[in-house]
């Protein structure tokens, strides 16, 4: 649970950093669109990472049996 808590804190810190970056580079009035682009990009990266980790785990499981 402790590692999950640290992961959550790190994710929230990155979220704030990315939001500030978006505010810095995206003109006012385009905020909603940029947030949807940001959310889509983060979701895509997360899905790809989880999928890749699942494949790596499967390889380790196959080698240990």
Protein backbone atom coordinates (compact mmCIF):
# COMPACT_ATOMS: atom_id res chain seq x y z
CA UNK A 1 0.00 0.00 0.00
CA UNK A 2 2.86 2.37 0.70
CA UNK A 3 4.20 2.05 -2.85
CA UNK A 4 0.70 2.72 -4.23
CA UNK A 5 0.45 5.83 -2.04
CA UNK A 6 3.81 7.10 -3.31
CA UNK A 7 2.70 6.38 -6.87
CA UNK A 8 -0.46 8.40 -6.33
CA UNK A 9 1.48 11.34 -4.88
CA UNK A 10 3.90 11.25 -7.82
CA UNK A 11 1.01 11.10 -10.29
CA UNK A 12 -0.68 14.10 -8.66
CA UNK A 13 2.59 16.05 -8.75
CA UNK A 14 3.01 15.31 -12.46
CA UNK A 15 -0.62 16.25 -13.05
CA UNK A 16 -0.08 19.66 -11.50
CA UNK A 17 3.15 20.21 -13.45
CA UNK A 18 1.48 19.31 -16.74
CA UNK A 19 -1.55 21.49 -15.98
CA UNK A 20 0.73 24.48 -15.29
CA UNK A 21 2.61 23.78 -18.53
CA UNK A 22 -0.67 23.74 -20.46
CA UNK A 23 -1.72 27.03 -18.84
CA UNK A 24 1.64 28.51 -19.86
CA UNK A 25 1.55 27.49 -23.54
CA UNK A 26 -2.14 27.25 -24.46
CA UNK A 27 -3.94 30.57 -25.07
CA UNK A 28 -7.00 31.37 -22.97
CA UNK A 29 -10.26 30.17 -24.51
CA UNK A 30 -8.76 26.92 -25.79
CA UNK A 31 -8.44 25.39 -22.34
CA UNK A 32 -11.23 22.83 -22.61
CA UNK A 33 -9.98 21.44 -25.89
CA UNK A 34 -6.41 21.27 -24.63
CA UNK A 35 -7.55 19.46 -21.48
CA UNK A 36 -9.34 16.84 -23.60
CA UNK A 37 -6.22 16.42 -25.73
CA UNK A 38 -4.13 16.10 -22.57
CA UNK A 39 -6.54 13.57 -21.02
CA UNK A 40 -6.61 11.54 -24.23
CA UNK A 41 -2.83 11.50 -24.49
CA UNK A 42 -2.39 10.47 -20.86
CA UNK A 43 -5.02 7.74 -21.25
CA UNK A 44 -3.32 6.41 -24.38
CA UNK A 45 0.08 6.32 -22.66
CA UNK A 46 -1.41 4.63 -19.59
CA UNK A 47 -3.15 1.95 -21.67
CA UNK A 48 0.03 1.27 -23.63
CA UNK A 49 2.12 1.07 -20.44
CA UNK A 50 -0.30 -1.29 -18.70
CA UNK A 51 -0.52 -3.46 -21.81
CA UNK A 52 3.27 -3.63 -22.11
CA UNK A 53 3.66 -4.45 -18.41
CA UNK A 54 1.11 -7.24 -18.80
CA UNK A 55 3.12 -8.74 -21.66
CA UNK A 56 6.34 -8.51 -19.64
CA UNK A 57 4.65 -10.19 -16.67
CA UNK A 58 3.34 -12.94 -18.94
CA UNK A 59 6.88 -13.61 -20.23
CA UNK A 60 8.20 -13.90 -16.67
CA UNK A 61 5.34 -16.21 -15.72
CA UNK A 62 5.98 -18.40 -18.78
CA UNK A 63 9.70 -18.67 -17.96
CA UNK A 64 9.07 -19.61 -14.32
CA UNK A 65 6.77 -22.54 -15.08
